[in-house]
Every structure is written in C-alpha cells, then in structure tokens.
C-alpha cells in the first residue's frame, strides 16, 4: 500500500496524508495504454476505491487517504461540472443539486440504488429543495443524469396536464 500511495503522491504532486489504521490490501495494477496525469489519478482512485480506500482532496497541497466508512467526514471537494463532463472513475466528490419540481426525500430513494457503499451518499434537504450527493464520480454522474431525466419528465407531465394534451411517448432505451 505504501508504494501505491507514493506513486499517487508523485503523480498528483500533493502530499498524501494517511491514518495509521488504513487498510493495506495487496494491489497489483498494469495499464495497457499510456495515460496522462489526470487519467492515471482517476485509475488509481478507482483501484483504491475497489479496495476500500478513498482519496479525498484537501486543499491545493494534500490529499487524504481514508477508509471508505470515513469518507463523508473527510469533506470532499464540491464539483460543479455538468454530468456529461464527470469521469467514470472512483474519484470521490460532492455535489449539491437544486431540484426544480421534485421533493429531495422522494428522489433520495431512487438515487441510493445507484450509490456506492459510502455512508449516507445522498442527503435530502427538503426545506431548501436540495440534494447533497457524496460519492464516486461515476455514481454521481449516473445520479445527475437520472435527476435530469426525472425533472424533465416531471416538467413535461405538468406542462401536458395544463395544456390538456396527452403526455409525450416514452423513449425506449
């Protein structure tokens, strides 16, 4: 594990901070294609996440390596990129979503199906109409896409009812 974190530190150009109680799984990795710096870090994030370790950015100079159960308390960075721009990786992040038509506690039940084992990955804030998502980039990407689809369908349904028109046909996937 020490060697993997040393490589992570060199590639990220950040100091890796690790607790003494960090899991120490045997990790073997060999990529088949050349990777740029960002891709290499996303690959390492994913491999570490599969082994119960989450890398959490901590300012501009450090990154914390924490067990998955402690990840939410480690204050992940808030990312505001559109879902299409998020990587399919195990990079840990946070996203606040303002819902337009749906109730956060109702959406939470759907989103937790897409979430990882990180504790409390979806936090509903009903009073403000917001959701707090804390998970891996690949899961947040799927959650944001689903929210976009649900909000779009909800708005389309409301619009159709007001106009007296029939609802739009469902798209096949």
Protein backbone atom coordinates (compact mmCIF):
# COMPACT_ATOMS: atom_id res chain seq x y z
CA UNK A 1 0.00 0.00 0.00
CA UNK A 2 2.85 2.37 0.79
CA UNK A 3 4.20 2.04 -2.74
CA UNK A 4 0.79 2.80 -4.31
CA UNK A 5 0.38 5.91 -2.14
CA UNK A 6 3.93 7.01 -3.01
CA UNK A 7 3.11 6.74 -6.74
CA UNK A 8 -0.14 8.65 -6.11
CA UNK A 9 1.83 11.38 -4.34
CA UNK A 10 4.32 11.68 -7.20
CA UNK A 11 1.67 11.82 -9.93
CA UNK A 12 -0.65 14.20 -8.04
CA UNK A 13 2.19 16.41 -6.80
CA UNK A 14 0.35 16.53 -3.45
CA UNK A 15 1.31 15.21 -0.05
CA UNK A 16 -0.64 12.06 0.80
CA UNK A 17 -1.91 12.10 4.38
CA UNK A 18 -2.83 8.70 5.74
CA UNK A 19 -4.08 7.42 9.08
CA UNK A 20 -2.27 4.59 10.81
CA UNK A 21 -5.40 2.40 10.60
CA UNK A 22 -5.64 2.45 6.80
CA UNK A 23 -6.43 -0.93 5.18
CA UNK A 24 -3.40 -2.46 3.47
CA UNK A 25 -4.69 -4.65 0.63
CA UNK A 26 -2.31 -6.12 -1.91
CA UNK A 27 -2.77 -4.07 -5.08
CA UNK A 28 -1.47 -5.08 -8.48
CA UNK A 29 -2.08 -2.83 -11.46
CA UNK A 30 -0.81 -2.76 -15.01
CA UNK A 31 -2.39 -0.41 -17.53
CA UNK A 32 -2.45 -1.37 -21.19
CA UNK A 33 -2.38 2.11 -22.72
CA UNK A 34 -0.45 5.29 -21.98
CA UNK A 35 -2.27 7.60 -19.55
CA UNK A 36 -1.99 11.30 -18.94
CA UNK A 37 -1.67 12.57 -15.35
CA UNK A 38 -5.41 13.02 -14.77
CA UNK A 39 -6.26 9.60 -16.23
CA UNK A 40 -3.59 7.95 -14.08
CA UNK A 41 -5.01 9.55 -10.92
CA UNK A 42 -8.56 8.54 -11.87
CA UNK A 43 -7.36 4.98 -12.44
CA UNK A 44 -5.63 4.94 -9.05
CA UNK A 45 -8.73 6.44 -7.39
CA UNK A 46 -10.82 3.64 -8.88
CA UNK A 47 -8.44 0.85 -7.87
CA UNK A 48 -8.11 2.23 -4.34
CA UNK A 49 -11.91 2.63 -4.05
CA UNK A 50 -12.36 -1.03 -5.02
CA UNK A 51 -10.08 -1.85 -2.11
CA UNK A 52 -11.91 0.25 0.47
CA UNK A 53 -9.71 3.34 0.35
CA UNK A 54 -10.95 6.76 -0.71
CA UNK A 55 -8.65 9.60 -1.79
CA UNK A 56 -10.05 12.99 -0.75
CA UNK A 57 -8.53 16.25 -1.97
CA UNK A 58 -7.53 18.50 0.90
CA UNK A 59 -6.69 21.97 -0.40
CA UNK A 60 -4.12 22.51 -3.13
CA UNK A 61 -1.22 20.71 -1.50
CA UNK A 62 -2.55 17.49 0.02
CA UNK A 63 -4.84 14.51 -0.46
CA UNK A 64 -6.15 12.32 2.37
CA UNK A 65 -6.28 8.54 2.11
CA UNK A 66 -9.17 7.35 4.30
CA UNK A 67 -11.15 4.14 4.79
CA UNK A 68 -14.44 4.22 2.86
CA UNK A 69 -16.51 4.45 6.08
CA UNK A 70 -14.78 7.73 6.98
CA UNK A 71 -15.03 9.33 3.53
CA UNK A 72 -18.07 11.61 4.14
CA UNK A 73 -16.41 13.15 7.20
CA UNK A 74 -13.31 13.97 5.15
CA UNK A 75 -15.01 16.91 3.36
CA UNK A 76 -14.73 16.02 -0.33
CA UNK A 77 -14.40 18.79 -2.91
CA UNK A 78 -17.62 20.12 -4.41
CA UNK A 79 -17.61 19.66 -8.18
CA UNK A 80 -19.96 21.70 -10.38
CA UNK A 81 -19.23 20.20 -13.80
CA UNK A 82 -22.22 19.02 -15.86
CA UNK A 83 -22.81 15.27 -15.55
CA UNK A 84 -21.55 14.71 -19.10
CA UNK A 85 -18.10 16.04 -18.10
CA UNK A 86 -17.67 13.87 -15.00
CA UNK A 87 -15.26 10.96 -15.33
CA UNK A 88 -16.29 7.32 -14.99
CA UNK A 89 -13.95 6.84 -12.07
CA UNK A 90 -13.70 6.21 -8.35
CA UNK A 91 -12.72 9.84 -7.66
CA UNK A 92 -14.59 10.93 -4.52
CA UNK A 93 -16.54 14.19 -4.73
CA UNK A 94 -19.57 16.10 -3.56
CA UNK A 95 -22.34 17.80 -5.50
CA UNK A 96 -25.24 19.97 -4.33
CA UNK A 97 -28.29 19.75 -6.59
CA UNK A 98 -31.16 22.23 -6.57
CA UNK A 99 -34.32 20.38 -7.58
CA UNK A 100 -36.93 22.31 -9.54
CA UNK A 101 -40.02 20.11 -9.27
CA UNK A 102 -39.25 17.02 -7.20
CA UNK A 103 -39.06 16.55 -3.43
CA UNK A 104 -35.50 15.64 -2.30
CA UNK A 105 -36.58 12.89 0.13
CA UNK A 106 -38.54 11.16 -2.65
CA UNK A 107 -35.65 11.34 -5.12
CA UNK A 108 -33.25 10.04 -2.48
CA UNK A 109 -34.87 6.60 -2.51
CA UNK A 110 -34.22 6.27 -6.25
CA UNK A 111 -30.67 7.61 -6.09
CA UNK A 112 -29.47 5.35 -3.30
CA UNK A 113 -29.87 2.41 -5.70
CA UNK A 114 -27.11 3.98 -7.83
CA UNK A 115 -24.88 4.84 -4.87
CA UNK A 116 -21.83 3.07 -3.52
CA UNK A 117 -21.34 1.73 -0.01
CA UNK A 118 -20.08 5.10 1.25
CA UNK A 119 -22.24 6.02 4.26
CA UNK A 120 -25.06 8.49 3.52
CA UNK A 121 -24.17 9.17 -0.13
CA UNK A 122 -27.47 11.03 -0.71
CA UNK A 123 -28.67 13.60 1.82
CA UNK A 124 -32.08 15.21 1.18
CA UNK A 125 -32.60 18.82 2.26
CA UNK A 126 -36.36 19.14 1.82
CA UNK A 127 -36.67 22.65 3.31
CA UNK A 128 -34.42 24.09 0.59
CA UNK A 129 -35.32 21.66 -2.21
CA UNK A 130 -31.72 20.44 -2.46
CA UNK A 131 -29.87 17.15 -2.50
CA UNK A 132 -26.33 16.67 -1.26
CA UNK A 133 -24.55 13.90 -3.17
CA UNK A 134 -21.28 12.46 -1.79
CA UNK A 135 -19.96 9.55 -3.78
CA UNK A 136 -17.62 8.47 -6.56
CA UNK A 137 -17.66 10.46 -9.80
CA UNK A 138 -19.11 7.57 -11.81
CA UNK A 139 -22.06 7.22 -9.42
CA UNK A 140 -22.71 10.96 -9.17
CA UNK A 141 -22.68 11.09 -12.97
CA UNK A 142 -25.46 8.47 -13.13
CA UNK A 143 -27.41 10.19 -10.34
CA UNK A 144 -27.29 13.58 -12.08
CA UNK A 145 -28.42 12.04 -15.36
CA UNK A 146 -31.36 10.37 -13.62
CA UNK A 147 -32.29 13.63 -11.85
CA UNK A 148 -32.20 15.45 -15.19
CA UNK A 149 -34.46 12.81 -16.74
CA UNK A 150 -36.89 12.82 -13.79
CA UNK A 151 -37.10 16.60 -13.63
CA UNK A 152 -37.59 16.79 -17.39
CA UNK A 153 -40.35 14.17 -17.32
CA UNK A 154 -41.98 15.88 -14.33
CA UNK A 155 -41.97 19.24 -16.12
CA UNK A 156 -43.21 17.67 -19.35
CA UNK A 157 -46.03 15.95 -17.43
CA UNK A 158 -47.04 19.17 -15.69
CA UNK A 159 -46.97 21.08 -18.97
CA UNK A 160 -49.10 18.46 -20.73
CA UNK A 161 -51.69 18.44 -17.96
CA UNK A 162 -52.01 22.22 -18.08
CA UNK A 163 -52.45 22.22 -21.84
CA UNK A 164 -54.85 19.29 -21.83
CA UNK A 165 -52.54 17.50 -24.28
CA UNK A 166 -51.64 13.85 -23.96
CA UNK A 167 -48.28 13.13 -22.34
CA UNK A 168 -45.29 12.56 -24.62
CA UNK A 169 -44.48 9.00 -25.65
CA UNK A 170 -41.84 7.27 -23.55
CA UNK A 171 -38.43 6.83 -25.11
CA UNK A 172 -37.04 3.33 -25.41
CA UNK A 173 -33.54 2.63 -24.14
